[in-house]
Amino acid sequence: VQLEESGGGLVQPGGSLRLSCLASGSIFSIIAMGWYRQAPGKERELVAKITSGDTTNYADSVKGRFTISRDNAKNTVYLQMNCLKPEDTAVYYCNAGGASVYYSGNYWGQGTQVTVSS
């Protein structure tokens, strides 16, 4: 399974970004996909995950600001990020595999940088 992320960049506080992750390869077994992030000096943390049945799980820090969605026909998961804060600055990683929205799957993307700064 290969995961290709896109959509990161530099944005001012209060702004928005949309991340995309395209899955390819042996994807028939993937039920859950999602996003993790890792800021400098911190551990990687869950941001949001979604199953093929649209069950979701969000980190408390992003609830009400971020929305995860997926297009099963396109094997793509999206993360719409609104009202961004400087503390959202991190490398965002796409994750896929398994069926849980609480634990990471086996497959990771290369990561895309999101920087929130004025």
Protein backbone atom coordinates (compact mmCIF):
# COMPACT_ATOMS: atom_id res chain seq x y z
CA VAL A 1 0.00 0.00 0.00
CA GLN A 2 1.28 3.43 -0.92
CA LEU A 3 -0.05 6.67 0.52
CA GLU A 4 0.54 10.01 -1.19
CA GLU A 5 -0.26 13.20 0.71
CA SER A 6 -0.78 16.67 -0.68
CA GLY A 7 -2.12 20.05 0.41
CA GLY A 8 0.25 21.20 3.14
CA GLY A 9 1.77 24.66 3.27
CA LEU A 10 2.03 27.94 5.12
CA VAL A 11 -1.12 29.63 6.36
CA GLN A 12 -1.91 32.49 8.72
CA PRO A 13 -3.68 31.88 12.03
CA GLY A 14 -7.40 31.57 11.45
CA GLY A 15 -6.88 30.31 7.92
CA SER A 16 -7.77 27.02 6.29
CA LEU A 17 -6.04 24.18 4.49
CA ARG A 18 -7.23 20.94 2.96
CA LEU A 19 -5.03 17.85 3.03
CA SER A 20 -5.55 14.92 0.68
CA CYS A 21 -4.20 11.37 0.82
CA LEU A 22 -4.46 8.98 -2.12
CA ALA A 23 -4.08 5.27 -1.37
CA SER A 24 -2.87 2.83 -4.02
CA GLY A 25 -1.72 -0.77 -4.18
CA SER A 26 -3.32 -3.61 -2.21
CA ILE A 27 -5.98 -1.48 -0.61
CA PHE A 28 -8.79 -4.02 -0.44
CA SER A 29 -8.11 -4.70 3.25
CA ILE A 30 -8.05 -1.07 4.35
CA ILE A 31 -11.07 0.00 6.33
CA ALA A 32 -9.70 2.84 8.45
CA MET A 33 -7.71 5.81 7.16
CA GLY A 34 -6.73 8.99 8.84
CA TRP A 35 -4.22 11.60 9.84
CA TYR A 36 -1.59 11.89 12.53
CA ARG A 37 0.75 14.79 13.19
CA GLN A 38 4.11 15.32 14.80
CA ALA A 39 5.41 18.67 15.98
CA PRO A 40 9.10 19.26 16.72
CA GLY A 41 10.10 17.67 20.00
CA LYS A 42 6.73 15.96 20.44
CA GLU A 43 5.37 12.48 19.86
CA ARG A 44 3.23 11.65 16.88
CA GLU A 45 -0.44 12.03 17.75
CA LEU A 46 -3.78 11.12 16.25
CA VAL A 47 -5.62 13.97 14.55
CA ALA A 48 -8.59 12.21 12.99
CA LYS A 49 -9.54 8.84 11.53
CA ILE A 50 -12.45 7.53 9.51
CA THR A 51 -13.69 4.11 8.44
CA SER A 52 -15.22 3.13 5.14
CA GLY A 53 -18.54 3.23 6.96
CA ASP A 54 -17.91 6.85 8.01
CA THR A 55 -17.25 6.18 11.68
CA THR A 56 -14.93 8.95 12.86
CA ASN A 57 -12.67 9.82 15.77
CA TYR A 58 -11.08 13.23 16.41
CA ALA A 59 -8.50 14.51 18.81
CA ASP A 60 -10.09 16.86 21.34
CA SER A 61 -7.78 19.66 20.21
CA VAL A 62 -9.24 19.70 16.68
CA LYS A 63 -12.92 18.96 17.31
CA GLY A 64 -15.13 21.61 15.75
CA ARG A 65 -12.29 22.90 13.55
CA PHE A 66 -11.16 19.92 11.47
CA THR A 67 -13.32 17.60 9.38
CA ILE A 68 -12.21 14.26 7.99
CA SER A 69 -13.92 12.70 4.99
CA ARG A 70 -13.21 10.06 2.39
CA ASP A 71 -14.13 9.17 -1.15
CA ASN A 72 -14.06 5.38 -1.31
CA ALA A 73 -14.37 5.36 -5.09
CA LYS A 74 -11.21 7.47 -5.36
CA ASN A 75 -9.40 5.76 -2.45
CA THR A 76 -8.78 9.20 -1.00
CA VAL A 77 -9.14 10.66 2.47
CA TYR A 78 -9.34 14.39 3.14
CA LEU A 79 -8.72 16.60 6.14
CA GLN A 80 -10.36 20.01 6.03
CA MET A 81 -8.65 22.22 8.58
CA ASN A 82 -10.32 25.49 9.55
CA CYS A 83 -9.54 28.11 12.19
CA LEU A 84 -5.93 26.99 12.21
CA LYS A 85 -3.76 27.87 15.19
CA PRO A 86 0.02 28.12 15.55
CA GLU A 87 -0.11 24.97 17.70
CA ASP A 88 -1.42 23.06 14.68
CA THR A 89 2.01 23.45 13.10
CA ALA A 90 3.40 19.97 12.47
CA VAL A 91 4.19 17.37 9.86
CA TYR A 92 0.93 15.65 9.02
CA TYR A 93 1.06 11.97 8.12
CA CYS A 94 -1.57 9.93 6.35
CA ASN A 95 -2.20 6.55 7.96
CA ALA A 96 -4.11 3.52 6.75
CA GLY A 97 -4.75 -0.07 7.70
CA GLY A 98 -6.93 -2.13 9.96
CA ALA A 99 -10.40 -1.20 11.08
CA SER A 100 -9.91 0.90 14.20
CA VAL A 101 -10.36 4.65 14.44
CA TYR A 102 -8.47 4.62 17.74
CA TYR A 103 -5.21 2.92 16.73
CA SER A 104 -2.83 3.46 13.87
CA GLY A 105 -2.70 1.16 10.86
CA ASN A 106 0.41 -0.33 9.32
CA TYR A 107 0.84 2.07 6.42
CA TRP A 108 2.21 5.61 6.53
CA GLY A 109 2.71 8.38 4.03
CA GLN A 110 5.84 10.51 3.80
CA GLY A 111 4.23 13.45 5.56
CA THR A 112 3.33 16.98 4.55
CA GLN A 113 4.34 20.11 6.44
CA VAL A 114 1.67 22.42 7.80
CA THR A 115 2.90 25.71 9.20
CA VAL A 116 0.55 28.19 10.86
CA SER A 117 2.26 31.52 11.33
CA SER A 118 1.75 35.21 10.75
